[in-house]
């Protein structure tokens, strides 16, 4: 992948927030929706740009499509990824997203539950406060 395509893909705060989460765990669209409090079409659009740039890959598990940072991207651009991670530690929005991810991981929530009661799940995760 061309560096210009990678940098263009990284030039949006929402895509950086997605990278921050996917660097920590494989997630599906519905999980990203509630963690980032974004609608499905926006999340999917951002995922498409990251995937086109070769930064993330997807795998299909039953009816869910899960996304994660591509291992070949990590191998080829490890220094860039490490730089991003260090910057994520400096800004509260990225830390808050990780706090929500931690709350989500500690819960019994599933993709099915998120799909059925998205508003309630968003309220629970949004109550997470940065320590």
C-alpha atoms as a PDB file:
ATOM      1  CA  UNK A   1       0.000   0.000   0.000  1.00  0.00           C
ATOM      2  CA  UNK A   2       1.201   3.504  -0.779  1.00  0.00           C
ATOM      3  CA  UNK A   3       2.169   5.707   2.155  1.00  0.00           C
ATOM      4  CA  UNK A   4      -0.105   8.479   0.861  1.00  0.00           C
ATOM      5  CA  UNK A   5      -3.109   6.133   1.111  1.00  0.00           C
ATOM      6  CA  UNK A   6      -2.186   5.184   4.662  1.00  0.00           C
ATOM      7  CA  UNK A   7      -1.731   8.793   5.750  1.00  0.00           C
ATOM      8  CA  UNK A   8      -5.011   9.832   4.120  1.00  0.00           C
ATOM      9  CA  UNK A   9      -6.783   7.026   5.962  1.00  0.00           C
ATOM     10  CA  UNK A  10      -5.263   8.196   9.247  1.00  0.00           C
ATOM     11  CA  UNK A  11      -6.220  11.844   8.693  1.00  0.00           C
ATOM     12  CA  UNK A  12      -9.585  11.580  10.458  1.00  0.00           C
ATOM     13  CA  UNK A  13     -10.119  11.560  14.222  1.00  0.00           C
ATOM     14  CA  UNK A  14     -12.871   8.929  14.041  1.00  0.00           C
ATOM     15  CA  UNK A  15     -10.607   6.573  12.084  1.00  0.00           C
ATOM     16  CA  UNK A  16      -7.856   7.147  14.642  1.00  0.00           C
ATOM     17  CA  UNK A  17     -10.335   6.288  17.399  1.00  0.00           C
ATOM     18  CA  UNK A  18     -11.164   3.071  15.539  1.00  0.00           C
ATOM     19  CA  UNK A  19      -7.442   2.243  15.189  1.00  0.00           C
ATOM     20  CA  UNK A  20      -7.010   2.857  18.926  1.00  0.00           C
ATOM     21  CA  UNK A  21      -9.716   0.321  19.752  1.00  0.00           C
ATOM     22  CA  UNK A  22      -8.742  -2.256  17.121  1.00  0.00           C
ATOM     23  CA  UNK A  23      -5.130  -2.148  18.283  1.00  0.00           C
ATOM     24  CA  UNK A  24      -6.455  -3.579  21.556  1.00  0.00           C
ATOM     25  CA  UNK A  25      -9.152  -5.998  20.444  1.00  0.00           C
ATOM     26  CA  UNK A  26     -10.962  -7.441  17.451  1.00  0.00           C
ATOM     27  CA  UNK A  27     -14.395  -5.788  17.247  1.00  0.00           C
ATOM     28  CA  UNK A  28     -17.463  -5.844  15.025  1.00  0.00           C
ATOM     29  CA  UNK A  29     -19.329  -2.860  13.603  1.00  0.00           C
ATOM     30  CA  UNK A  30     -22.046  -2.922  16.285  1.00  0.00           C
ATOM     31  CA  UNK A  31     -19.434  -2.873  19.045  1.00  0.00           C
ATOM     32  CA  UNK A  32     -17.632   0.057  17.421  1.00  0.00           C
ATOM     33  CA  UNK A  33     -20.962   1.853  17.040  1.00  0.00           C
ATOM     34  CA  UNK A  34     -21.697   1.794  20.754  1.00  0.00           C
ATOM     35  CA  UNK A  35     -18.127   2.366  21.905  1.00  0.00           C
ATOM     36  CA  UNK A  36     -17.739   5.421  19.667  1.00  0.00           C
ATOM     37  CA  UNK A  37     -21.402   6.512  19.813  1.00  0.00           C
ATOM     38  CA  UNK A  38     -21.575   6.654  16.011  1.00  0.00           C
ATOM     39  CA  UNK A  39     -24.145   5.324  13.580  1.00  0.00           C
ATOM     40  CA  UNK A  40     -23.594   2.172  11.539  1.00  0.00           C
ATOM     41  CA  UNK A  41     -23.145   3.911   8.182  1.00  0.00           C
ATOM     42  CA  UNK A  42     -20.402   6.203   9.522  1.00  0.00           C
ATOM     43  CA  UNK A  43     -18.567   3.342  11.218  1.00  0.00           C
ATOM     44  CA  UNK A  44     -18.793   1.225   8.063  1.00  0.00           C
ATOM     45  CA  UNK A  45     -17.553   4.086   5.882  1.00  0.00           C
ATOM     46  CA  UNK A  46     -14.528   4.641   8.130  1.00  0.00           C
ATOM     47  CA  UNK A  47     -13.802   0.911   8.284  1.00  0.00           C
ATOM     48  CA  UNK A  48     -13.934   0.770   4.485  1.00  0.00           C
ATOM     49  CA  UNK A  49     -11.300   3.496   4.186  1.00  0.00           C
ATOM     50  CA  UNK A  50      -9.036   1.813   6.732  1.00  0.00           C
ATOM     51  CA  UNK A  51      -9.461  -1.534   4.996  1.00  0.00           C
ATOM     52  CA  UNK A  52      -8.761  -0.036   1.545  1.00  0.00           C
ATOM     53  CA  UNK A  53      -5.544   1.434   2.905  1.00  0.00           C
ATOM     54  CA  UNK A  54      -4.461  -2.007   4.152  1.00  0.00           C
ATOM     55  CA  UNK A  55      -4.514  -1.008   7.817  1.00  0.00           C
ATOM     56  CA  UNK A  56      -7.249  -3.376   8.977  1.00  0.00           C
ATOM     57  CA  UNK A  57      -8.683  -6.728   7.914  1.00  0.00           C
ATOM     58  CA  UNK A  58     -12.030  -8.344   8.524  1.00  0.00           C
ATOM     59  CA  UNK A  59     -13.179 -11.866   9.266  1.00  0.00           C
ATOM     60  CA  UNK A  60     -16.723 -13.161   9.093  1.00  0.00           C
ATOM     61  CA  UNK A  61     -18.024 -15.018  12.147  1.00  0.00           C
ATOM     62  CA  UNK A  62     -21.616 -16.186  11.636  1.00  0.00           C
ATOM     63  CA  UNK A  63     -23.612 -13.007  10.968  1.00  0.00           C
ATOM     64  CA  UNK A  64     -20.938 -10.684  12.403  1.00  0.00           C
ATOM     65  CA  UNK A  65     -17.943  -9.183  10.610  1.00  0.00           C
ATOM     66  CA  UNK A  66     -15.033  -8.527  12.970  1.00  0.00           C
ATOM     67  CA  UNK A  67     -12.188  -6.102  12.327  1.00  0.00           C
ATOM     68  CA  UNK A  68      -8.628  -5.934  13.610  1.00  0.00           C
ATOM     69  CA  UNK A  69      -5.315  -4.310  12.678  1.00  0.00           C
ATOM     70  CA  UNK A  70      -3.761  -6.269   9.808  1.00  0.00           C
ATOM     71  CA  UNK A  71      -0.720  -8.294  10.887  1.00  0.00           C
ATOM     72  CA  UNK A  72       1.109  -7.361   7.679  1.00  0.00           C
ATOM     73  CA  UNK A  73       0.452  -3.682   8.438  1.00  0.00           C
ATOM     74  CA  UNK A  74       1.916  -4.193  11.915  1.00  0.00           C
ATOM     75  CA  UNK A  75       4.986  -5.846  10.383  1.00  0.00           C
ATOM     76  CA  UNK A  76       5.509  -3.208   7.694  1.00  0.00           C
ATOM     77  CA  UNK A  77       4.519  -0.130   9.688  1.00  0.00           C
ATOM     78  CA  UNK A  78       5.226  -1.076  13.282  1.00  0.00           C
ATOM     79  CA  UNK A  79       6.963   2.200  14.049  1.00  0.00           C
ATOM     80  CA  UNK A  80       3.970   4.188  12.789  1.00  0.00           C
ATOM     81  CA  UNK A  81       1.619   2.089  14.893  1.00  0.00           C
ATOM     82  CA  UNK A  82       3.803   2.527  17.977  1.00  0.00           C
ATOM     83  CA  UNK A  83       3.886   6.295  17.395  1.00  0.00           C
ATOM     84  CA  UNK A  84       0.081   6.370  17.153  1.00  0.00           C
ATOM     85  CA  UNK A  85      -0.267   4.338  20.339  1.00  0.00           C
ATOM     86  CA  UNK A  86       2.030   6.743  22.199  1.00  0.00           C
ATOM     87  CA  UNK A  87      -0.053   9.684  21.012  1.00  0.00           C
ATOM     88  CA  UNK A  88      -3.297   7.948  21.990  1.00  0.00           C
ATOM     89  CA  UNK A  89      -1.973   7.871  25.560  1.00  0.00           C
ATOM     90  CA  UNK A  90      -1.667  11.662  25.500  1.00  0.00           C
ATOM     91  CA  UNK A  91      -5.235  12.556  24.538  1.00  0.00           C
ATOM     92  CA  UNK A  92      -8.274  12.030  26.727  1.00  0.00           C
ATOM     93  CA  UNK A  93     -10.719  11.083  23.940  1.00  0.00           C
ATOM     94  CA  UNK A  94      -8.655   7.988  23.117  1.00  0.00           C
ATOM     95  CA  UNK A  95      -8.264   7.101  26.786  1.00  0.00           C
ATOM     96  CA  UNK A  96     -12.018   7.434  27.290  1.00  0.00           C
ATOM     97  CA  UNK A  97     -12.593   5.070  24.357  1.00  0.00           C
ATOM     98  CA  UNK A  98     -10.285   2.526  25.987  1.00  0.00           C
ATOM     99  CA  UNK A  99     -12.143   2.926  29.290  1.00  0.00           C
ATOM    100  CA  UNK A 100     -15.399   2.171  27.462  1.00  0.00           C
ATOM    101  CA  UNK A 101     -13.753  -0.836  25.816  1.00  0.00           C
ATOM    102  CA  UNK A 102     -12.614  -2.087  29.214  1.00  0.00           C
ATOM    103  CA  UNK A 103     -16.123  -1.654  30.642  1.00  0.00           C
ATOM    104  CA  UNK A 104     -17.542  -3.469  27.630  1.00  0.00           C
ATOM    105  CA  UNK A 105     -15.061  -6.353  27.939  1.00  0.00           C
ATOM    106  CA  UNK A 106     -15.886  -6.721  31.643  1.00  0.00           C
ATOM    107  CA  UNK A 107     -19.623  -6.847  30.916  1.00  0.00           C
ATOM    108  CA  UNK A 108     -21.730  -9.758  29.745  1.00  0.00           C
ATOM    109  CA  UNK A 109     -22.825  -7.842  26.645  1.00  0.00           C
ATOM    110  CA  UNK A 110     -22.864  -9.575  23.270  1.00  0.00           C
ATOM    111  CA  UNK A 111     -23.313  -8.308  19.735  1.00  0.00           C
ATOM    112  CA  UNK A 112     -26.855  -9.656  19.820  1.00  0.00           C
ATOM    113  CA  UNK A 113     -27.636  -7.697  22.986  1.00  0.00           C
ATOM    114  CA  UNK A 114     -26.121  -4.544  21.502  1.00  0.00           C
ATOM    115  CA  UNK A 115     -28.224  -4.907  18.376  1.00  0.00           C
ATOM    116  CA  UNK A 116     -31.402  -5.384  20.396  1.00  0.00           C
ATOM    117  CA  UNK A 117     -30.881  -2.550  22.900  1.00  0.00           C
ATOM    118  CA  UNK A 118     -28.250  -0.190  21.508  1.00  0.00           C
ATOM    119  CA  UNK A 119     -29.499   2.925  23.312  1.00  0.00           C
ATOM    120  CA  UNK A 120     -29.291   1.308  26.735  1.00  0.00           C
ATOM    121  CA  UNK A 121     -25.804  -0.041  26.046  1.00  0.00           C
ATOM    122  CA  UNK A 122     -24.621   3.403  24.895  1.00  0.00           C
ATOM    123  CA  UNK A 123     -25.945   4.931  28.140  1.00  0.00           C
ATOM    124  CA  UNK A 124     -24.095   2.362  30.248  1.00  0.00           C
ATOM    125  CA  UNK A 125     -20.808   2.767  28.381  1.00  0.00           C
ATOM    126  CA  UNK A 126     -21.125   6.564  28.222  1.00  0.00           C
ATOM    127  CA  UNK A 127     -21.356   6.641  32.005  1.00  0.00           C
ATOM    128  CA  UNK A 128     -17.738   5.459  32.068  1.00  0.00           C
ATOM    129  CA  UNK A 129     -15.563   8.270  33.375  1.00  0.00           C
ATOM    130  CA  UNK A 130     -11.856   8.661  32.774  1.00  0.00           C
ATOM    131  CA  UNK A 131      -9.993   8.049  35.999  1.00  0.00           C
END
